[in-house]
């Protein structure tokens, strides 16, 4: 049976597993910053999952299943992920950065079949590995080893994950501080960086120290406007979600226990979706 979000959130091994996962995602960001930038906000991350799901659900023998701009926009609109204009602009950016490519250029532009490039799939596979490794760390399972034996199952696994993410209220509508950052470029990485530097021994404190001191260095590493990042951090500070142990910019930043719990709740919801998709995917495979 797949783990529930509640089981994941309450398990003592979850924090260290999620921190290891965060460091793996930070590494992906560092090695593929251009690709990571395409999926820099939660909305763009969901748009990326929709595109991957359409790519993997394409049946080569059925042209009606091809990923086109028109089909992408239709799925995005049906699931209230973004506006038509935002979805269309996203596809153009994916094509520009070689995240996706046209299969042919004949006929109407919106009907041109698209596919996700091999480099994008390789990078996304690292995302899958990181989450399966976390789940294994929680319950001692062998999901990652099972997946590595059947990497072709990615084509069935990712669309199920996408369906789960689109249907998840905790993922789509997170609580106040988390929602502040999901609209910031690379906001997910900002939170991953903050949370990955926490000492698990401090997780029960009301003000949990992180490893961040300088906003300028933090912004430079993330390739963000220092002013924009500082504004978001100020908004979070007003909410009581972050602060500094001493003088701002010259001491360690802390995150509130509430912000930490919001972050962990979203991670638990996401991991439960991945686990449910994995269980469905591989139980079907073992029966066939």
C-alpha atoms as a PDB file:
ATOM      1  CA  UNK A   1       0.000   0.000   0.000  1.00  0.00           C
ATOM      2  CA  UNK A   2       1.329   3.486  -0.816  1.00  0.00           C
ATOM      3  CA  UNK A   3       2.090   5.810   2.068  1.00  0.00           C
ATOM      4  CA  UNK A   4      -0.476   8.497   2.871  1.00  0.00           C
ATOM      5  CA  UNK A   5       0.472  12.152   3.271  1.00  0.00           C
ATOM      6  CA  UNK A   6      -0.281  11.849   6.990  1.00  0.00           C
ATOM      7  CA  UNK A   7       2.016   8.834   7.380  1.00  0.00           C
ATOM      8  CA  UNK A   8       4.795  10.631   5.521  1.00  0.00           C
ATOM      9  CA  UNK A   9       4.410  13.873   7.480  1.00  0.00           C
ATOM     10  CA  UNK A  10       4.547  12.111  10.849  1.00  0.00           C
ATOM     11  CA  UNK A  11       7.437   9.741  10.106  1.00  0.00           C
ATOM     12  CA  UNK A  12      10.709  10.541  11.931  1.00  0.00           C
ATOM     13  CA  UNK A  13      12.809   9.792   8.825  1.00  0.00           C
ATOM     14  CA  UNK A  14      10.903  12.207   6.572  1.00  0.00           C
ATOM     15  CA  UNK A  15      12.787  15.414   7.350  1.00  0.00           C
ATOM     16  CA  UNK A  16      16.244  14.032   6.594  1.00  0.00           C
ATOM     17  CA  UNK A  17      14.849  12.349   3.470  1.00  0.00           C
ATOM     18  CA  UNK A  18      13.231  15.575   2.267  1.00  0.00           C
ATOM     19  CA  UNK A  19      16.436  17.518   2.966  1.00  0.00           C
ATOM     20  CA  UNK A  20      18.435  15.020   0.901  1.00  0.00           C
ATOM     21  CA  UNK A  21      15.775  15.351  -1.814  1.00  0.00           C
ATOM     22  CA  UNK A  22      16.042  19.163  -1.654  1.00  0.00           C
ATOM     23  CA  UNK A  23      19.804  18.988  -2.077  1.00  0.00           C
ATOM     24  CA  UNK A  24      19.316  16.704  -5.106  1.00  0.00           C
ATOM     25  CA  UNK A  25      16.887  19.218  -6.645  1.00  0.00           C
ATOM     26  CA  UNK A  26      19.310  22.068  -5.905  1.00  0.00           C
ATOM     27  CA  UNK A  27      22.004  20.061  -7.738  1.00  0.00           C
ATOM     28  CA  UNK A  28      19.670  19.683 -10.738  1.00  0.00           C
ATOM     29  CA  UNK A  29      19.137  23.457 -10.638  1.00  0.00           C
ATOM     30  CA  UNK A  30      22.901  24.078 -10.536  1.00  0.00           C
ATOM     31  CA  UNK A  31      23.648  21.708 -13.431  1.00  0.00           C
ATOM     32  CA  UNK A  32      20.661  22.719 -15.607  1.00  0.00           C
ATOM     33  CA  UNK A  33      19.804  26.308 -14.601  1.00  0.00           C
ATOM     34  CA  UNK A  34      18.229  27.198 -17.948  1.00  0.00           C
ATOM     35  CA  UNK A  35      15.886  24.205 -17.845  1.00  0.00           C
ATOM     36  CA  UNK A  36      15.150  24.816 -14.171  1.00  0.00           C
ATOM     37  CA  UNK A  37      14.288  28.442 -14.967  1.00  0.00           C
ATOM     38  CA  UNK A  38      11.583  27.319 -17.397  1.00  0.00           C
ATOM     39  CA  UNK A  39       9.830  25.628 -14.458  1.00  0.00           C
ATOM     40  CA  UNK A  40      10.699  28.384 -11.991  1.00  0.00           C
ATOM     41  CA  UNK A  41       7.276  29.044 -10.421  1.00  0.00           C
ATOM     42  CA  UNK A  42       4.637  26.575  -9.298  1.00  0.00           C
ATOM     43  CA  UNK A  43       2.402  27.498 -12.233  1.00  0.00           C
ATOM     44  CA  UNK A  44       5.218  26.830 -14.701  1.00  0.00           C
ATOM     45  CA  UNK A  45       6.089  23.616 -12.848  1.00  0.00           C
ATOM     46  CA  UNK A  46       2.499  22.393 -13.331  1.00  0.00           C
ATOM     47  CA  UNK A  47       2.578  23.503 -16.978  1.00  0.00           C
ATOM     48  CA  UNK A  48       5.743  21.444 -17.371  1.00  0.00           C
ATOM     49  CA  UNK A  49       4.068  18.379 -15.883  1.00  0.00           C
ATOM     50  CA  UNK A  50       1.102  18.809 -18.245  1.00  0.00           C
ATOM     51  CA  UNK A  51       3.481  18.933 -21.210  1.00  0.00           C
ATOM     52  CA  UNK A  52       5.364  15.839 -20.053  1.00  0.00           C
ATOM     53  CA  UNK A  53       2.106  13.932 -19.517  1.00  0.00           C
ATOM     54  CA  UNK A  54       0.889  14.776 -23.020  1.00  0.00           C
ATOM     55  CA  UNK A  55       4.257  13.693 -24.398  1.00  0.00           C
ATOM     56  CA  UNK A  56       4.199  10.347 -22.595  1.00  0.00           C
ATOM     57  CA  UNK A  57       0.535   9.642 -23.374  1.00  0.00           C
ATOM     58  CA  UNK A  58       1.119   9.987 -27.103  1.00  0.00           C
ATOM     59  CA  UNK A  59       0.360   6.773 -28.978  1.00  0.00           C
ATOM     60  CA  UNK A  60       2.527   6.702 -32.141  1.00  0.00           C
ATOM     61  CA  UNK A  61      -0.302   4.847 -33.889  1.00  0.00           C
ATOM     62  CA  UNK A  62      -2.929   7.461 -33.049  1.00  0.00           C
ATOM     63  CA  UNK A  63      -2.420  11.003 -34.330  1.00  0.00           C
ATOM     64  CA  UNK A  64      -5.265  12.193 -32.119  1.00  0.00           C
ATOM     65  CA  UNK A  65      -2.967  11.734 -29.095  1.00  0.00           C
ATOM     66  CA  UNK A  66      -0.139  13.899 -30.431  1.00  0.00           C
ATOM     67  CA  UNK A  67       0.942  16.813 -28.263  1.00  0.00           C
ATOM     68  CA  UNK A  68       0.127  20.046 -30.057  1.00  0.00           C
ATOM     69  CA  UNK A  69      -0.114  23.634 -28.847  1.00  0.00           C
ATOM     70  CA  UNK A  70      -3.911  23.403 -29.139  1.00  0.00           C
ATOM     71  CA  UNK A  71      -4.124  20.211 -27.057  1.00  0.00           C
ATOM     72  CA  UNK A  72      -1.701  21.607 -24.460  1.00  0.00           C
ATOM     73  CA  UNK A  73      -3.797  24.768 -24.074  1.00  0.00           C
ATOM     74  CA  UNK A  74      -6.984  22.721 -23.812  1.00  0.00           C
ATOM     75  CA  UNK A  75      -5.636  20.572 -20.944  1.00  0.00           C
ATOM     76  CA  UNK A  76      -4.171  23.604 -19.167  1.00  0.00           C
ATOM     77  CA  UNK A  77      -7.458  25.510 -19.392  1.00  0.00           C
ATOM     78  CA  UNK A  78      -9.564  22.497 -18.346  1.00  0.00           C
ATOM     79  CA  UNK A  79      -7.493  22.121 -15.183  1.00  0.00           C
ATOM     80  CA  UNK A  80      -7.365  25.878 -14.438  1.00  0.00           C
ATOM     81  CA  UNK A  81      -3.567  25.944 -14.446  1.00  0.00           C
ATOM     82  CA  UNK A  82      -3.108  29.101 -16.535  1.00  0.00           C
ATOM     83  CA  UNK A  83      -4.692  31.354 -19.129  1.00  0.00           C
ATOM     84  CA  UNK A  84      -4.552  30.621 -22.846  1.00  0.00           C
ATOM     85  CA  UNK A  85      -1.959  33.369 -23.390  1.00  0.00           C
ATOM     86  CA  UNK A  86       0.248  32.118 -20.547  1.00  0.00           C
ATOM     87  CA  UNK A  87       0.082  28.537 -21.843  1.00  0.00           C
ATOM     88  CA  UNK A  88       0.936  29.627 -25.380  1.00  0.00           C
ATOM     89  CA  UNK A  89       3.847  31.771 -24.174  1.00  0.00           C
ATOM     90  CA  UNK A  90       5.114  28.833 -22.108  1.00  0.00           C
ATOM     91  CA  UNK A  91       5.190  26.556 -25.168  1.00  0.00           C
ATOM     92  CA  UNK A  92       7.129  29.186 -27.122  1.00  0.00           C
ATOM     93  CA  UNK A  93       9.662  29.369 -24.311  1.00  0.00           C
ATOM     94  CA  UNK A  94       9.967  25.564 -24.152  1.00  0.00           C
ATOM     95  CA  UNK A  95      10.712  25.539 -27.884  1.00  0.00           C
ATOM     96  CA  UNK A  96      13.177  28.434 -27.614  1.00  0.00           C
ATOM     97  CA  UNK A  97      15.210  26.713 -24.894  1.00  0.00           C
ATOM     98  CA  UNK A  98      15.028  23.282 -26.558  1.00  0.00           C
ATOM     99  CA  UNK A  99      12.965  21.851 -23.723  1.00  0.00           C
ATOM    100  CA  UNK A 100      10.568  20.692 -26.439  1.00  0.00           C
ATOM    101  CA  UNK A 101      10.794  20.489 -30.220  1.00  0.00           C
ATOM    102  CA  UNK A 102       8.522  20.223 -33.224  1.00  0.00           C
ATOM    103  CA  UNK A 103       8.173  16.848 -34.925  1.00  0.00           C
ATOM    104  CA  UNK A 104       7.065  18.557 -38.138  1.00  0.00           C
ATOM    105  CA  UNK A 105       6.288  22.089 -39.252  1.00  0.00           C
ATOM    106  CA  UNK A 106       3.692  21.469 -41.938  1.00  0.00           C
ATOM    107  CA  UNK A 107       0.140  22.813 -41.669  1.00  0.00           C
ATOM    108  CA  UNK A 108      -1.395  25.043 -39.008  1.00  0.00           C
ATOM    109  CA  UNK A 109       1.017  26.117 -36.228  1.00  0.00           C
ATOM    110  CA  UNK A 110      -1.287  25.061 -33.405  1.00  0.00           C
ATOM    111  CA  UNK A 111      -1.553  21.607 -34.955  1.00  0.00           C
ATOM    112  CA  UNK A 112       2.197  20.995 -35.247  1.00  0.00           C
ATOM    113  CA  UNK A 113       3.055  17.889 -33.218  1.00  0.00           C
ATOM    114  CA  UNK A 114       5.553  18.479 -30.391  1.00  0.00           C
ATOM    115  CA  UNK A 115       7.694  16.281 -28.231  1.00  0.00           C
ATOM    116  CA  UNK A 116       9.803  16.793 -25.146  1.00  0.00           C
ATOM    117  CA  UNK A 117      13.536  16.553 -25.849  1.00  0.00           C
ATOM    118  CA  UNK A 118      15.678  13.704 -24.561  1.00  0.00           C
ATOM    119  CA  UNK A 119      17.762  16.101 -22.420  1.00  0.00           C
ATOM    120  CA  UNK A 120      14.615  17.341 -20.658  1.00  0.00           C
ATOM    121  CA  UNK A 121      13.453  13.791 -19.936  1.00  0.00           C
ATOM    122  CA  UNK A 122      16.889  12.901 -18.583  1.00  0.00           C
ATOM    123  CA  UNK A 123      16.800  15.877 -16.208  1.00  0.00           C
ATOM    124  CA  UNK A 124      13.231  15.117 -15.110  1.00  0.00           C
ATOM    125  CA  UNK A 125      14.236  11.512 -14.413  1.00  0.00           C
ATOM    126  CA  UNK A 126      16.542  12.932 -11.733  1.00  0.00           C
ATOM    127  CA  UNK A 127      13.450  14.497 -10.118  1.00  0.00           C
ATOM    128  CA  UNK A 128      11.791  11.051 -10.066  1.00  0.00           C
ATOM    129  CA  UNK A 129      14.909   9.440  -8.581  1.00  0.00           C
ATOM    130  CA  UNK A 130      15.050  12.042  -5.788  1.00  0.00           C
ATOM    131  CA  UNK A 131      11.435  11.466  -4.736  1.00  0.00           C
ATOM    132  CA  UNK A 132      11.590   7.662  -4.911  1.00  0.00           C
ATOM    133  CA  UNK A 133      14.781   7.753  -2.828  1.00  0.00           C
ATOM    134  CA  UNK A 134      12.985   9.818  -0.172  1.00  0.00           C
ATOM    135  CA  UNK A 135      10.069   7.375  -0.032  1.00  0.00           C
ATOM    136  CA  UNK A 136      12.494   4.453   0.296  1.00  0.00           C
ATOM    137  CA  UNK A 137      14.270   6.230   3.123  1.00  0.00           C
ATOM    138  CA  UNK A 138      10.978   6.614   4.990  1.00  0.00           C
ATOM    139  CA  UNK A 139       9.868   2.973   4.917  1.00  0.00           C
ATOM    140  CA  UNK A 140      12.936   1.021   3.785  1.00  0.00           C
ATOM    141  CA  UNK A 141      11.336   0.212   0.424  1.00  0.00           C
ATOM    142  CA  UNK A 142      13.026  -0.522  -2.902  1.00  0.00           C
ATOM    143  CA  UNK A 143      11.108   1.773  -5.253  1.00  0.00           C
ATOM    144  CA  UNK A 144      14.187   3.359  -6.785  1.00  0.00           C
ATOM    145  CA  UNK A 145      15.847  -0.002  -7.462  1.00  0.00           C
ATOM    146  CA  UNK A 146      12.591  -1.243  -9.014  1.00  0.00           C
ATOM    147  CA  UNK A 147      12.357   1.849 -11.214  1.00  0.00           C
ATOM    148  CA  UNK A 148      16.008   1.590 -12.274  1.00  0.00           C
ATOM    149  CA  UNK A 149      15.285  -1.939 -13.492  1.00  0.00           C
ATOM    150  CA  UNK A 150      12.349  -0.622 -15.559  1.00  0.00           C
ATOM    151  CA  UNK A 151      13.173   2.965 -16.608  1.00  0.00           C
ATOM    152  CA  UNK A 152      10.694   2.600 -19.480  1.00  0.00           C
ATOM    153  CA  UNK A 153       7.933   2.826 -16.856  1.00  0.00           C
ATOM    154  CA  UNK A 154       8.559   6.579 -16.678  1.00  0.00           C
ATOM    155  CA  UNK A 155       6.096   6.923 -19.563  1.00  0.00           C
ATOM    156  CA  UNK A 156       3.321   5.491 -17.365  1.00  0.00           C
ATOM    157  CA  UNK A 157       4.489   6.926 -14.031  1.00  0.00           C
ATOM    158  CA  UNK A 158       4.779  10.620 -14.890  1.00  0.00           C
ATOM    159  CA  UNK A 159       1.234  11.083 -16.291  1.00  0.00           C
ATOM    160  CA  UNK A 160      -0.191   9.528 -13.112  1.00  0.00           C
ATOM    161  CA  UNK A 161       1.905  11.917 -11.011  1.00  0.00           C
ATOM    162  CA  UNK A 162       0.660  14.822 -13.134  1.00  0.00           C
ATOM    163  CA  UNK A 163      -2.970  13.783 -12.607  1.00  0.00           C
ATOM    164  CA  UNK A 164      -2.375  13.613  -8.849  1.00  0.00           C
ATOM    165  CA  UNK A 165      -0.693  17.025  -8.695  1.00  0.00           C
ATOM    166  CA  UNK A 166      -3.479  18.695 -10.687  1.00  0.00           C
ATOM    167  CA  UNK A 167      -6.115  17.189  -8.366  1.00  0.00           C
ATOM    168  CA  UNK A 168      -4.295  17.974  -5.095  1.00  0.00           C
ATOM    169  CA  UNK A 169      -5.626  20.878  -3.005  1.00  0.00           C
ATOM    170  CA  UNK A 170      -2.584  20.880  -0.641  1.00  0.00           C
ATOM    171  CA  UNK A 171      -0.257  21.187  -3.656  1.00  0.00           C
ATOM    172  CA  UNK A 172      -2.362  23.640  -5.678  1.00  0.00           C
ATOM    173  CA  UNK A 173      -3.475  25.797  -2.739  1.00  0.00           C
ATOM    174  CA  UNK A 174      -0.723  25.765  -0.099  1.00  0.00           C
ATOM    175  CA  UNK A 175      -0.858  27.854   3.067  1.00  0.00           C
ATOM    176  CA  UNK A 176       0.148  31.488   3.371  1.00  0.00           C
ATOM    177  CA  UNK A 177       3.949  31.626   3.475  1.00  0.00           C
ATOM    178  CA  UNK A 178       4.468  28.789   1.016  1.00  0.00           C
ATOM    179  CA  UNK A 179       2.083  30.536  -1.381  1.00  0.00           C
ATOM    180  CA  UNK A 180       4.220  33.700  -1.123  1.00  0.00           C
ATOM    181  CA  UNK A 181       7.186  31.900  -2.629  1.00  0.00           C
ATOM    182  CA  UNK A 182       5.515  29.776  -5.311  1.00  0.00           C
ATOM    183  CA  UNK A 183       4.942  32.884  -7.446  1.00  0.00           C
ATOM    184  CA  UNK A 184       8.574  33.979  -7.065  1.00  0.00           C
ATOM    185  CA  UNK A 185      10.963  32.876  -9.814  1.00  0.00           C
ATOM    186  CA  UNK A 186      12.840  29.878  -8.414  1.00  0.00           C
ATOM    187  CA  UNK A 187      10.696  30.167  -5.278  1.00  0.00           C
ATOM    188  CA  UNK A 188      10.704  26.408  -4.814  1.00  0.00           C
ATOM    189  CA  UNK A 189      14.502  26.391  -4.830  1.00  0.00           C
ATOM    190  CA  UNK A 190      14.490  29.301  -2.347  1.00  0.00           C
ATOM    191  CA  UNK A 191      12.446  27.187   0.057  1.00  0.00           C
ATOM    192  CA  UNK A 192      14.491  24.039  -0.641  1.00  0.00           C
ATOM    193  CA  UNK A 193      17.675  25.976   0.161  1.00  0.00           C
ATOM    194  CA  UNK A 194      16.238  27.390   3.389  1.00  0.00           C
ATOM    195  CA  UNK A 195      14.912  24.041   4.598  1.00  0.00           C
ATOM    196  CA  UNK A 196      17.889  21.929   3.512  1.00  0.00           C
ATOM    197  CA  UNK A 197      20.144  23.904   5.867  1.00  0.00           C
ATOM    198  CA  UNK A 198      18.071  23.198   8.981  1.00  0.00           C
ATOM    199  CA  UNK A 199      19.518  20.985  11.697  1.00  0.00           C
ATOM    200  CA  UNK A 200      16.827  18.297  12.274  1.00  0.00           C
ATOM    201  CA  UNK A 201      17.542  18.610  16.005  1.00  0.00           C
ATOM    202  CA  UNK A 202      16.143  22.169  15.818  1.00  0.00           C
ATOM    203  CA  UNK A 203      12.910  21.258  14.008  1.00  0.00           C
ATOM    204  CA  UNK A 204      10.767  21.584  17.146  1.00  0.00           C
ATOM    205  CA  UNK A 205      11.912  25.131  17.915  1.00  0.00           C
ATOM    206  CA  UNK A 206       9.541  28.040  17.292  1.00  0.00           C
ATOM    207  CA  UNK A 207      12.319  29.847  15.375  1.00  0.00           C
ATOM    208  CA  UNK A 208      14.390  27.317  13.436  1.00  0.00           C
ATOM    209  CA  UNK A 209      17.886  28.504  12.337  1.00  0.00           C
ATOM    210  CA  UNK A 210      18.856  28.004   8.665  1.00  0.00           C
ATOM    211  CA  UNK A 211      22.277  28.269   6.993  1.00  0.00           C
ATOM    212  CA  UNK A 212      21.410  31.534   5.165  1.00  0.00           C
ATOM    213  CA  UNK A 213      23.037  34.798   6.232  1.00  0.00           C
ATOM    214  CA  UNK A 214      23.502  37.085   3.202  1.00  0.00           C
ATOM    215  CA  UNK A 215      20.487  37.928   1.015  1.00  0.00           C
ATOM    216  CA  UNK A 216      22.875  39.268  -1.630  1.00  0.00           C
ATOM    217  CA  UNK A 217      24.813  35.999  -1.908  1.00  0.00           C
ATOM    218  CA  UNK A 218      21.557  34.052  -1.827  1.00  0.00           C
ATOM    219  CA  UNK A 219      20.077  36.174  -4.651  1.00  0.00           C
ATOM    220  CA  UNK A 220      23.286  35.963  -6.712  1.00  0.00           C
ATOM    221  CA  UNK A 221      23.362  32.173  -6.474  1.00  0.00           C
ATOM    222  CA  UNK A 222      19.706  31.996  -7.536  1.00  0.00           C
ATOM    223  CA  UNK A 223      20.220  34.556 -10.327  1.00  0.00           C
ATOM    224  CA  UNK A 224      17.402  36.592  -8.802  1.00  0.00           C
ATOM    225  CA  UNK A 225      17.024  40.321  -8.347  1.00  0.00           C
ATOM    226  CA  UNK A 226      18.268  41.068  -4.829  1.00  0.00           C
ATOM    227  CA  UNK A 227      15.516  43.679  -4.508  1.00  0.00           C
ATOM    228  CA  UNK A 228      12.807  41.232  -5.579  1.00  0.00           C
ATOM    229  CA  UNK A 229      14.034  38.497  -3.241  1.00  0.00           C
ATOM    230  CA  UNK A 230      14.375  40.977  -0.366  1.00  0.00           C
ATOM    231  CA  UNK A 231      10.792  42.138  -0.946  1.00  0.00           C
ATOM    232  CA  UNK A 232       9.472  38.577  -0.738  1.00  0.00           C
ATOM    233  CA  UNK A 233      11.537  37.889   2.351  1.00  0.00           C
ATOM    234  CA  UNK A 234      10.193  41.109   3.877  1.00  0.00           C
ATOM    235  CA  UNK A 235       6.617  39.937   3.172  1.00  0.00           C
ATOM    236  CA  UNK A 236       7.441  36.636   4.868  1.00  0.00           C
ATOM    237  CA  UNK A 237       9.017  38.523   7.775  1.00  0.00           C
ATOM    238  CA  UNK A 238       5.823  40.585   8.225  1.00  0.00           C
ATOM    239  CA  UNK A 239       3.913  37.297   8.501  1.00  0.00           C
ATOM    240  CA  UNK A 240       6.336  36.194  11.212  1.00  0.00           C
ATOM    241  CA  UNK A 241       7.537  33.340   8.996  1.00  0.00           C
ATOM    242  CA  UNK A 242      11.216  34.309   8.811  1.00  0.00           C
ATOM    243  CA  UNK A 243      13.602  36.569  10.674  1.00  0.00           C
ATOM    244  CA  UNK A 244      17.211  36.972  11.725  1.00  0.00           C
ATOM    245  CA  UNK A 245      18.808  35.773  14.925  1.00  0.00           C
ATOM    246  CA  UNK A 246      20.686  39.094  15.160  1.00  0.00           C
ATOM    247  CA  UNK A 247      21.263  41.937  12.699  1.00  0.00           C
ATOM    248  CA  UNK A 248      19.654  41.423   9.282  1.00  0.00           C
ATOM    249  CA  UNK A 249      22.239  40.384   6.714  1.00  0.00           C
ATOM    250  CA  UNK A 250      24.875  39.771   9.381  1.00  0.00           C
ATOM    251  CA  UNK A 251      23.335  36.854  11.260  1.00  0.00           C
ATOM    252  CA  UNK A 252      21.614  33.559  10.524  1.00  0.00           C
ATOM    253  CA  UNK A 253      18.096  33.648   9.101  1.00  0.00           C
ATOM    254  CA  UNK A 254      15.450  31.594  10.907  1.00  0.00           C
ATOM    255  CA  UNK A 255      12.161  30.152   9.657  1.00  0.00           C
ATOM    256  CA  UNK A 256       9.107  29.842  11.865  1.00  0.00           C
ATOM    257  CA  UNK A 257       7.868  26.448  12.892  1.00  0.00           C
ATOM    258  CA  UNK A 258       4.595  27.207  11.062  1.00  0.00           C
ATOM    259  CA  UNK A 259       6.431  27.944   7.777  1.00  0.00           C
ATOM    260  CA  UNK A 260       8.492  24.780   8.228  1.00  0.00           C
ATOM    261  CA  UNK A 261       5.318  22.746   8.798  1.00  0.00           C
ATOM    262  CA  UNK A 262       3.661  24.304   5.715  1.00  0.00           C
ATOM    263  CA  UNK A 263       6.668  23.301   3.617  1.00  0.00           C
ATOM    264  CA  UNK A 264       6.707  19.777   5.005  1.00  0.00           C
ATOM    265  CA  UNK A 265       2.931  19.391   4.449  1.00  0.00           C
ATOM    266  CA  UNK A 266       3.341  20.199   0.751  1.00  0.00           C
ATOM    267  CA  UNK A 267       6.317  17.822   0.479  1.00  0.00           C
ATOM    268  CA  UNK A 268       4.295  15.061   2.170  1.00  0.00           C
ATOM    269  CA  UNK A 269       1.334  15.621  -0.185  1.00  0.00           C
ATOM    270  CA  UNK A 270       3.630  15.530  -3.218  1.00  0.00           C
ATOM    271  CA  UNK A 271       5.450  12.401  -2.026  1.00  0.00           C
ATOM    272  CA  UNK A 272       2.118  10.647  -1.379  1.00  0.00           C
ATOM    273  CA  UNK A 273       1.076  11.445  -4.971  1.00  0.00           C
ATOM    274  CA  UNK A 274       4.352  10.034  -6.307  1.00  0.00           C
ATOM    275  CA  UNK A 275       3.965   6.904  -4.151  1.00  0.00           C
ATOM    276  CA  UNK A 276       0.345   6.323  -5.214  1.00  0.00           C
ATOM    277  CA  UNK A 277       1.341   6.725  -8.868  1.00  0.00           C
ATOM    278  CA  UNK A 278       4.283   4.353  -8.382  1.00  0.00           C
ATOM    279  CA  UNK A 279       2.082   1.723  -6.712  1.00  0.00           C
ATOM    280  CA  UNK A 280      -0.511   1.919  -9.492  1.00  0.00           C
ATOM    281  CA  UNK A 281       2.085   1.877 -12.231  1.00  0.00           C
ATOM    282  CA  UNK A 282       4.142  -1.041 -10.974  1.00  0.00           C
ATOM    283  CA  UNK A 283       1.255  -3.159  -9.671  1.00  0.00           C
ATOM    284  CA  UNK A 284      -0.239  -2.954 -13.176  1.00  0.00           C
ATOM    285  CA  UNK A 285       3.130  -3.842 -14.664  1.00  0.00           C
ATOM    286  CA  UNK A 286       3.534  -6.894 -12.437  1.00  0.00           C
ATOM    287  CA  UNK A 287       0.065  -8.152 -13.363  1.00  0.00           C
ATOM    288  CA  UNK A 288       0.678  -7.881 -17.109  1.00  0.00           C
END
